[in-house]
Amino acid sequence: MTTGPELSWFKSSYSGNEGGACVEVATCPHTVHVRDSKVVDGPTFAVAPAAWTAFLAGAVEG
């Protein structure tokens, strides 16, 4: 959990507004936070920026 200012959550512009399965992310200098866009008060998880970058690279290739 992050202390200090509220996290600034965003989702991809590719997500659209059709109500599909989307995630939102909030970036901090040493952490990338991830949550379900449909359950904003639900659970979140955090990963290191390098792990997030590797995930995105794999998602683009896949």
C-alpha atoms as a PDB file:
ATOM      1  CA  MET A   1       0.000   0.000   0.000  1.00  0.00           C
ATOM      2  CA  THR A   2       1.243   3.479  -0.810  1.00  0.00           C
ATOM      3  CA  THR A   3       1.400   6.228   1.756  1.00  0.00           C
ATOM      4  CA  GLY A   4       1.218   9.887   0.902  1.00  0.00           C
ATOM      5  CA  PRO A   5      -0.773  11.397  -1.971  1.00  0.00           C
ATOM      6  CA  GLU A   6      -3.552   9.486  -3.731  1.00  0.00           C
ATOM      7  CA  LEU A   7      -2.464   7.388  -6.651  1.00  0.00           C
ATOM      8  CA  SER A   8      -3.373   8.686 -10.094  1.00  0.00           C
ATOM      9  CA  TRP A   9      -4.994   5.736 -11.892  1.00  0.00           C
ATOM     10  CA  PHE A  10      -5.361   5.481 -15.668  1.00  0.00           C
ATOM     11  CA  LYS A  11      -6.205   2.891 -18.287  1.00  0.00           C
ATOM     12  CA  SER A  12      -5.155   2.523 -21.885  1.00  0.00           C
ATOM     13  CA  SER A  13      -6.850   4.634 -24.505  1.00  0.00           C
ATOM     14  CA  TYR A  14      -7.351   1.321 -26.343  1.00  0.00           C
ATOM     15  CA  SER A  15      -9.704   0.142 -23.588  1.00  0.00           C
ATOM     16  CA  GLY A  16     -12.768   1.943 -24.908  1.00  0.00           C
ATOM     17  CA  ASN A  17     -15.964   2.182 -22.900  1.00  0.00           C
ATOM     18  CA  GLU A  18     -17.643  -1.092 -23.851  1.00  0.00           C
ATOM     19  CA  GLY A  19     -17.407  -2.450 -20.294  1.00  0.00           C
ATOM     20  CA  GLY A  20     -14.843  -5.108 -21.181  1.00  0.00           C
ATOM     21  CA  ALA A  21     -12.100  -6.514 -19.003  1.00  0.00           C
ATOM     22  CA  CYS A  22      -9.661  -3.693 -18.349  1.00  0.00           C
ATOM     23  CA  VAL A  23      -6.982  -2.929 -15.849  1.00  0.00           C
ATOM     24  CA  GLU A  24      -5.901   0.426 -14.532  1.00  0.00           C
ATOM     25  CA  VAL A  25      -2.391   1.333 -13.494  1.00  0.00           C
ATOM     26  CA  ALA A  26      -0.856   3.973 -11.276  1.00  0.00           C
ATOM     27  CA  THR A  27       2.856   4.576 -11.530  1.00  0.00           C
ATOM     28  CA  CYS A  28       5.258   5.672  -8.826  1.00  0.00           C
ATOM     29  CA  PRO A  29       9.037   5.980  -9.124  1.00  0.00           C
ATOM     30  CA  HIS A  30       9.702   2.465  -7.773  1.00  0.00           C
ATOM     31  CA  THR A  31       6.346   0.704  -8.208  1.00  0.00           C
ATOM     32  CA  VAL A  32       3.570   0.125 -10.737  1.00  0.00           C
ATOM     33  CA  HIS A  33       0.187  -0.487  -9.076  1.00  0.00           C
ATOM     34  CA  VAL A  34      -2.478  -2.494 -10.929  1.00  0.00           C
ATOM     35  CA  ARG A  35      -6.226  -2.933 -10.304  1.00  0.00           C
ATOM     36  CA  ASP A  36      -9.422  -4.066 -12.031  1.00  0.00           C
ATOM     37  CA  SER A  37     -11.073  -1.012 -13.616  1.00  0.00           C
ATOM     38  CA  LYS A  38     -14.532  -2.330 -12.722  1.00  0.00           C
ATOM     39  CA  VAL A  39     -13.697  -2.801  -9.004  1.00  0.00           C
ATOM     40  CA  VAL A  40     -11.858   0.361  -8.052  1.00  0.00           C
ATOM     41  CA  ASP A  41     -12.221  -0.316  -4.310  1.00  0.00           C
ATOM     42  CA  GLY A  42     -11.107  -3.924  -4.735  1.00  0.00           C
ATOM     43  CA  PRO A  43      -7.710  -5.523  -4.385  1.00  0.00           C
ATOM     44  CA  THR A  44      -4.626  -4.161  -6.083  1.00  0.00           C
ATOM     45  CA  PHE A  45      -1.128  -5.460  -6.599  1.00  0.00           C
ATOM     46  CA  ALA A  46       2.188  -3.788  -7.264  1.00  0.00           C
ATOM     47  CA  VAL A  47       5.222  -4.753  -9.306  1.00  0.00           C
ATOM     48  CA  ALA A  48       8.625  -3.275  -9.989  1.00  0.00           C
ATOM     49  CA  PRO A  49       8.801  -1.050 -13.081  1.00  0.00           C
ATOM     50  CA  ALA A  50      11.138  -3.547 -14.803  1.00  0.00           C
ATOM     51  CA  ALA A  51       8.587  -6.333 -14.307  1.00  0.00           C
ATOM     52  CA  TRP A  52       5.810  -4.150 -15.754  1.00  0.00           C
ATOM     53  CA  THR A  53       7.975  -3.266 -18.759  1.00  0.00           C
ATOM     54  CA  ALA A  54       8.693  -6.957 -19.368  1.00  0.00           C
ATOM     55  CA  PHE A  55       4.971  -7.768 -19.105  1.00  0.00           C
ATOM     56  CA  LEU A  56       4.073  -5.068 -21.634  1.00  0.00           C
ATOM     57  CA  ALA A  57       6.767  -6.243 -24.042  1.00  0.00           C
ATOM     58  CA  GLY A  58       5.357  -9.772 -23.859  1.00  0.00           C
ATOM     59  CA  ALA A  59       1.789  -8.533 -24.328  1.00  0.00           C
ATOM     60  CA  VAL A  60       2.758  -6.598 -27.458  1.00  0.00           C
ATOM     61  CA  GLU A  61       4.510  -9.633 -28.943  1.00  0.00           C
ATOM     62  CA  GLY A  62       1.697 -12.031 -28.038  1.00  0.00           C
END
